[in-house]
Protein backbone atom coordinates (compact mmCIF):
# COMPACT_ATOMS: atom_id res chain seq x y z
CA MET A 1 8.62 24.14 -5.89
CA ARG A 2 10.50 23.86 -8.90
CA LEU A 3 12.70 20.81 -7.63
CA SER A 4 9.67 18.91 -6.68
CA TRP A 5 7.92 19.47 -10.24
CA THR A 6 11.09 18.16 -11.73
CA ALA A 7 11.20 15.53 -9.44
CA PHE A 8 7.49 14.46 -10.19
CA THR A 9 7.97 14.49 -14.03
CA GLU A 10 11.19 12.58 -13.96
CA LEU A 11 9.73 9.80 -11.57
CA LEU A 12 6.37 9.86 -13.53
CA ARG A 13 8.47 9.07 -16.68
CA CYS A 14 10.54 6.26 -15.25
CA THR A 15 7.22 4.83 -13.70
CA LEU A 16 5.59 4.67 -17.22
CA ARG A 17 8.99 3.33 -18.91
CA GLY A 18 8.85 0.61 -16.30
CA HIS A 19 5.20 -0.10 -17.21
CA LEU A 20 6.14 -0.35 -20.93
CA ARG A 21 9.12 -2.63 -20.33
CA ASN A 22 6.81 -5.16 -18.33
CA ARG A 23 5.72 -7.25 -21.46
CA LEU A 24 3.55 -9.63 -19.30
CA ALA A 25 1.51 -6.75 -18.20
CA LEU A 26 1.27 -5.34 -21.73
CA VAL A 27 -0.02 -8.95 -22.83
CA LEU A 28 -2.45 -9.16 -20.20
CA ALA A 29 -3.89 -5.84 -20.97
CA VAL A 30 -4.15 -6.39 -24.73
CA ALA A 31 -5.23 -10.05 -24.60
CA PHE A 32 -6.75 -11.04 -21.11
CA ILE A 33 -9.36 -8.47 -21.08
CA PRO A 34 -11.14 -9.38 -24.52
CA ILE A 35 -10.61 -12.85 -23.83
CA TRP A 36 -12.53 -12.71 -20.51
CA ILE A 37 -15.29 -10.84 -22.05
CA PHE A 38 -15.48 -13.51 -24.89
CA VAL A 39 -15.38 -16.36 -22.41
CA ALA A 40 -18.43 -14.66 -20.31
CA ARG A 41 -20.36 -14.08 -23.64
CA LEU A 42 -19.71 -17.66 -24.72
CA CYS A 43 -20.47 -19.52 -21.26
CA THR A 44 -23.83 -17.45 -20.31
CA SER A 45 -26.85 -17.83 -21.88
CA ASP A 46 -29.09 -15.16 -23.22
CA GLN A 47 -31.88 -16.06 -20.70
CA VAL A 48 -33.19 -12.73 -19.47
CA VAL A 49 -32.59 -12.40 -15.65
CA ARG A 50 -34.04 -10.10 -12.91
CA ILE A 51 -31.08 -8.04 -11.67
CA ARG A 52 -31.52 -5.67 -8.44
CA LEU A 53 -29.51 -2.44 -8.44
CA ASP A 54 -29.61 -0.47 -5.25
CA ALA A 55 -28.60 2.50 -7.52
CA ILE A 56 -31.67 3.24 -9.47
CA SER A 57 -34.16 1.39 -7.10
CA THR A 58 -35.79 -0.56 -9.76
CA PRO A 59 -35.48 -4.11 -10.65
CA VAL A 60 -33.71 -4.63 -14.21
CA PHE A 61 -34.33 -7.24 -16.69
CA ALA A 62 -31.50 -8.18 -19.07
CA PRO A 63 -29.88 -11.19 -20.89
CA ALA A 64 -27.48 -12.94 -18.35
CA SER A 65 -24.84 -12.86 -21.29
CA GLN A 66 -24.88 -9.13 -21.31
CA ALA A 67 -24.71 -8.47 -17.62
CA GLY A 68 -21.91 -11.18 -17.38
CA GLN A 69 -19.65 -9.42 -19.90
CA VAL A 70 -20.11 -6.30 -17.80
CA ALA A 71 -19.18 -7.91 -14.50
CA SER A 72 -16.42 -9.97 -16.49
CA ALA A 73 -14.96 -6.77 -17.77
CA LEU A 74 -14.74 -5.21 -14.45
CA GLY A 75 -12.99 -8.18 -12.86
CA ALA A 76 -10.70 -8.23 -15.79
CA ILE A 77 -9.74 -4.47 -15.35
CA THR A 78 -9.14 -4.85 -11.74
CA MET A 79 -6.78 -7.72 -12.09
CA VAL A 80 -4.75 -6.14 -14.86
CA ALA A 81 -4.60 -2.67 -13.31
CA GLY A 82 -3.78 -4.31 -9.60
CA PHE A 83 -0.90 -6.23 -11.33
CA ILE A 84 0.63 -3.74 -13.32
CA ALA A 85 0.58 -1.37 -10.36
CA PHE A 86 1.98 -4.12 -7.84
CA THR A 87 4.78 -5.21 -10.13
CA GLU A 88 6.12 -1.82 -10.91
CA THR A 89 6.03 -0.76 -7.20
CA PHE A 90 7.42 -3.98 -6.12
CA GLN A 91 10.22 -4.12 -8.62
CA SER A 92 11.23 -0.65 -8.00
CA ARG A 93 11.53 -0.53 -4.30
CA GLU A 94 15.39 -0.87 -4.45
CA VAL A 95 15.41 2.29 -6.81
CA ASP A 96 12.99 3.90 -4.66
CA ARG A 97 15.31 3.44 -1.52
CA ARG A 98 18.55 4.75 -3.45
CA LEU A 99 16.48 7.89 -4.58
CA LEU A 100 15.31 8.75 -1.05
CA LEU A 101 18.85 8.38 0.22
CA ALA A 102 19.93 10.65 -2.51
CA GLY A 103 17.58 13.31 -1.30
CA TYR A 104 14.37 12.88 -3.65
CA PRO A 105 11.28 14.39 -2.00
CA ARG A 106 8.82 11.49 -0.90
CA LEU A 107 5.84 13.28 -1.85
CA PRO A 108 6.66 13.57 -5.61
CA MET A 109 7.60 9.94 -5.68
CA LEU A 110 4.23 8.82 -4.51
CA LEU A 111 2.21 11.26 -6.63
CA ALA A 112 4.14 10.04 -9.76
CA LYS A 113 3.10 6.39 -8.92
CA LEU A 114 -0.52 7.51 -8.28
CA ALA A 115 -0.27 9.65 -11.56
CA ALA A 116 0.71 6.35 -13.38
CA VAL A 117 -1.98 4.49 -12.01
CA ALA A 118 -4.59 6.99 -12.84
CA LEU A 119 -3.28 6.93 -16.69
CA THR A 120 -3.11 3.26 -16.70
CA ALA A 121 -6.68 3.07 -15.34
CA ALA A 122 -7.90 5.49 -17.93
CA LEU A 123 -6.26 3.81 -20.93
CA LEU A 124 -7.72 0.42 -19.80
CA ALA A 125 -11.06 1.83 -19.30
CA LEU A 126 -11.03 3.49 -22.85
CA TYR A 127 -9.93 0.15 -24.34
CA THR A 128 -12.61 -2.02 -22.53
CA THR A 129 -15.30 0.55 -23.29
CA ILE A 130 -14.62 -0.01 -27.04
CA LEU A 131 -14.42 -3.72 -26.37
CA LEU A 132 -17.89 -3.85 -24.74
CA TRP A 133 -19.47 -1.13 -27.12
CA ILE A 134 -18.52 -3.79 -30.07
CA SER A 135 -20.03 -7.00 -28.24
CA LEU A 136 -22.97 -5.16 -26.52
CA PRO A 137 -25.67 -2.59 -27.12
CA VAL A 138 -24.20 -0.21 -24.48
CA ARG A 139 -26.79 2.38 -23.37
CA HIS A 140 -24.49 4.91 -22.07
CA ALA A 141 -20.53 4.68 -23.00
CA ALA A 142 -19.37 7.75 -20.90
CA PRO A 143 -20.47 6.48 -17.55
CA LEU A 144 -19.35 3.06 -18.46
CA ALA A 145 -15.91 4.26 -19.05
CA LEU A 146 -16.05 6.11 -15.78
CA ALA A 147 -16.92 2.98 -13.81
CA LEU A 148 -14.35 0.82 -15.55
CA ALA A 149 -11.92 3.76 -14.84
CA GLY A 150 -12.83 3.82 -11.36
CA ALA A 151 -12.26 0.06 -11.15
CA GLY A 152 -8.70 0.48 -12.47
CA LEU A 153 -8.29 3.14 -10.04
CA VAL A 154 -9.63 1.25 -7.00
CA TYR A 155 -7.25 -1.94 -7.82
CA GLY A 156 -4.45 0.14 -9.13
CA GLY A 157 -4.26 1.95 -5.54
CA ILE A 158 -4.56 -1.53 -3.94
CA GLY A 159 -1.68 -2.94 -6.00
CA LEU A 160 0.24 0.27 -5.24
CA LEU A 161 -0.28 -0.41 -1.50
CA LEU A 162 0.72 -4.26 -1.52
CA GLY A 163 3.53 -3.37 -3.62
CA SER A 164 4.77 -1.32 -0.66
CA LEU A 165 4.13 -3.94 1.90
CA VAL A 166 4.65 -7.46 1.05
CA ARG A 167 7.70 -9.41 1.03
CA GLY A 168 7.28 -11.40 -2.11
CA GLU A 169 5.70 -11.13 -5.64
CA LEU A 170 3.46 -14.40 -5.10
CA GLU A 171 2.04 -12.95 -2.16
CA GLY A 172 0.92 -9.65 -3.82
CA PHE A 173 -0.31 -11.76 -6.83
CA PHE A 174 -2.26 -14.02 -4.59
CA LEU A 175 -3.94 -10.96 -2.53
CA ILE A 176 -4.85 -9.12 -5.69
CA ILE A 177 -6.38 -12.28 -7.50
CA MET A 178 -8.44 -13.45 -4.38
CA LEU A 179 -9.78 -9.81 -3.50
CA SER A 180 -10.71 -9.35 -7.24
CA LEU A 181 -12.76 -12.80 -7.34
CA VAL A 182 -14.55 -12.31 -4.09
CA ASP A 183 -15.24 -8.54 -5.00
CA THR A 184 -16.67 -9.34 -8.54
CA GLY A 185 -17.94 -12.72 -7.70
CA LEU A 186 -20.38 -11.47 -4.84
CA GLN A 187 -21.39 -8.68 -7.41
CA ASN A 188 -21.93 -10.63 -10.32
CA PRO A 189 -25.53 -10.55 -11.30
CA VAL A 190 -25.33 -13.82 -13.15
CA PHE A 191 -24.40 -15.58 -10.03
CA ASN A 192 -25.95 -13.53 -7.38
CA THR A 193 -29.12 -11.71 -9.14
CA LEU A 194 -30.34 -10.30 -5.75
CA MET A 195 -27.03 -9.14 -4.85
CA ASP A 196 -28.15 -8.99 -1.22
CA VAL A 197 -25.31 -10.44 0.71
CA ALA A 198 -24.65 -8.47 3.97
CA GLY A 199 -21.76 -5.93 3.59
CA VAL A 200 -21.68 -5.94 -0.15
CA SER A 201 -21.97 -2.38 -0.23
CA ALA A 202 -18.72 -1.86 1.63
CA LEU A 203 -16.91 -3.71 -1.10
CA PRO A 204 -14.28 -1.63 -3.36
CA LEU A 205 -16.25 -2.27 -6.50
CA TYR A 206 -19.68 -1.68 -5.19
CA GLY A 207 -19.92 1.89 -6.66
CA VAL A 208 -18.44 0.96 -10.03
CA ASN A 209 -20.46 -2.23 -10.48
CA GLN A 210 -23.65 -0.27 -10.04
CA LEU A 211 -22.67 2.28 -12.27
CA ALA A 212 -21.51 0.02 -14.93
CA LEU A 213 -24.41 -2.35 -14.88
CA SER A 214 -26.87 0.91 -14.89
CA SER A 215 -25.11 2.33 -17.89
CA ALA A 216 -24.56 -0.58 -19.87
CA LEU A 217 -28.09 -2.09 -19.27
CA THR A 218 -30.26 0.50 -18.56
CA SER A 219 -31.62 4.03 -19.67
CA GLN A 220 -30.40 5.30 -16.44
CA SER A 221 -26.87 5.97 -15.06
CA ALA A 222 -26.10 6.19 -11.20
CA TRP A 223 -23.33 8.84 -11.57
CA SER A 224 -23.12 9.32 -7.79
CA HIS A 225 -22.25 5.64 -7.14
CA GLY A 226 -19.04 5.99 -9.33
CA LEU A 227 -17.62 8.67 -6.82
CA LEU A 228 -17.44 5.82 -4.26
CA SER A 229 -14.39 4.43 -6.02
CA LEU A 230 -12.57 7.84 -5.58
CA THR A 231 -12.97 7.13 -1.65
CA TRP A 232 -11.32 3.82 -2.10
CA SER A 233 -8.80 5.18 -4.29
CA ALA A 234 -7.69 8.08 -1.71
CA ALA A 235 -7.94 5.70 1.09
CA THR A 236 -5.35 3.36 -0.92
CA GLY A 237 -3.18 6.03 -1.83
CA ALA A 238 -3.24 7.66 1.60
CA LEU A 239 -1.94 4.45 3.21
CA ALA A 240 0.73 3.94 0.44
CA LEU A 241 1.85 7.61 1.52
CA LEU A 242 1.74 6.79 5.07
CA VAL A 243 3.90 3.35 4.43
CA LEU A 244 6.40 5.41 2.26
CA HIS A 245 6.56 8.11 4.96
CA THR A 246 7.20 5.89 7.89
CA HIS A 247 9.86 3.72 6.22
CA ARG A 248 12.93 5.63 6.38
CA PRO A 249 15.92 3.50 4.97
CA SER A 250 19.14 4.41 6.72
CA ARG A 251 22.53 4.48 5.01
CA ALA A 252 23.89 2.05 7.39
CA SER A 253 21.51 -0.75 6.54
CA TRP A 254 21.70 -0.06 2.90
CA SER A 255 25.41 -0.30 3.00
CA ARG A 256 25.21 -3.55 4.94
CA ARG A 257 22.87 -5.01 2.21
CA THR A 258 25.28 -3.99 -0.48
CA ARG A 259 28.36 -5.49 1.21
CA VAL A 260 26.25 -8.73 1.63
CA ARG A 261 25.32 -8.79 -1.97
CA THR A 262 28.80 -7.96 -3.26
CA GLY A 263 30.72 -9.93 -0.84
């Protein structure tokens, strides 16, 4: 038990240091999110639109610019969280293989990565909530922050899973961007006020989108819908655990790769 806890804390420290060394990810986190929110505010009108929210079962009337900023904030945080988790996981795969061969337990390794995803999502959510609070008359900040954190958890888990599966960085970046664009685009109330596309409730951001819009634009908060993000996070984390568990690097294959690189 003590060895597992020591392995977890050490791997968590290394993972967080990897995040801090990723300067592009830091720039995206600090600059991309406010820029994306500002673009949404600049490019949408103040015309009042009617939004259908299943979470509260009543139509919502709000300026398009406000709804667009909330939707854009969700889209920005998904891309940044997914990118950070994917980059760290993809770039550390060789180190992870060495640690597994050295006898490090698998479970603390994945739990450390999941904990890093959770911390990243929480920090991004806090930062984005402050930005929206400055830009909008936010009705309920706490559930809005929970929704943003849920979005970061979902796509951080997706980035973690893709980082364990894909062969190239470009493939992972493309998948994260396309998933985020489709997910947020179909649920953006500015483009789709009825949000009645078939199967939209099965998308990863459905729950947090309902919670974010209701918290920012109405006097109600759909707390239960925010829990849907935990289901997606648990599913992606479990799949990443399965991938890590089934992939057992052999010393022979590692030795062959080492000889090829040094030869």
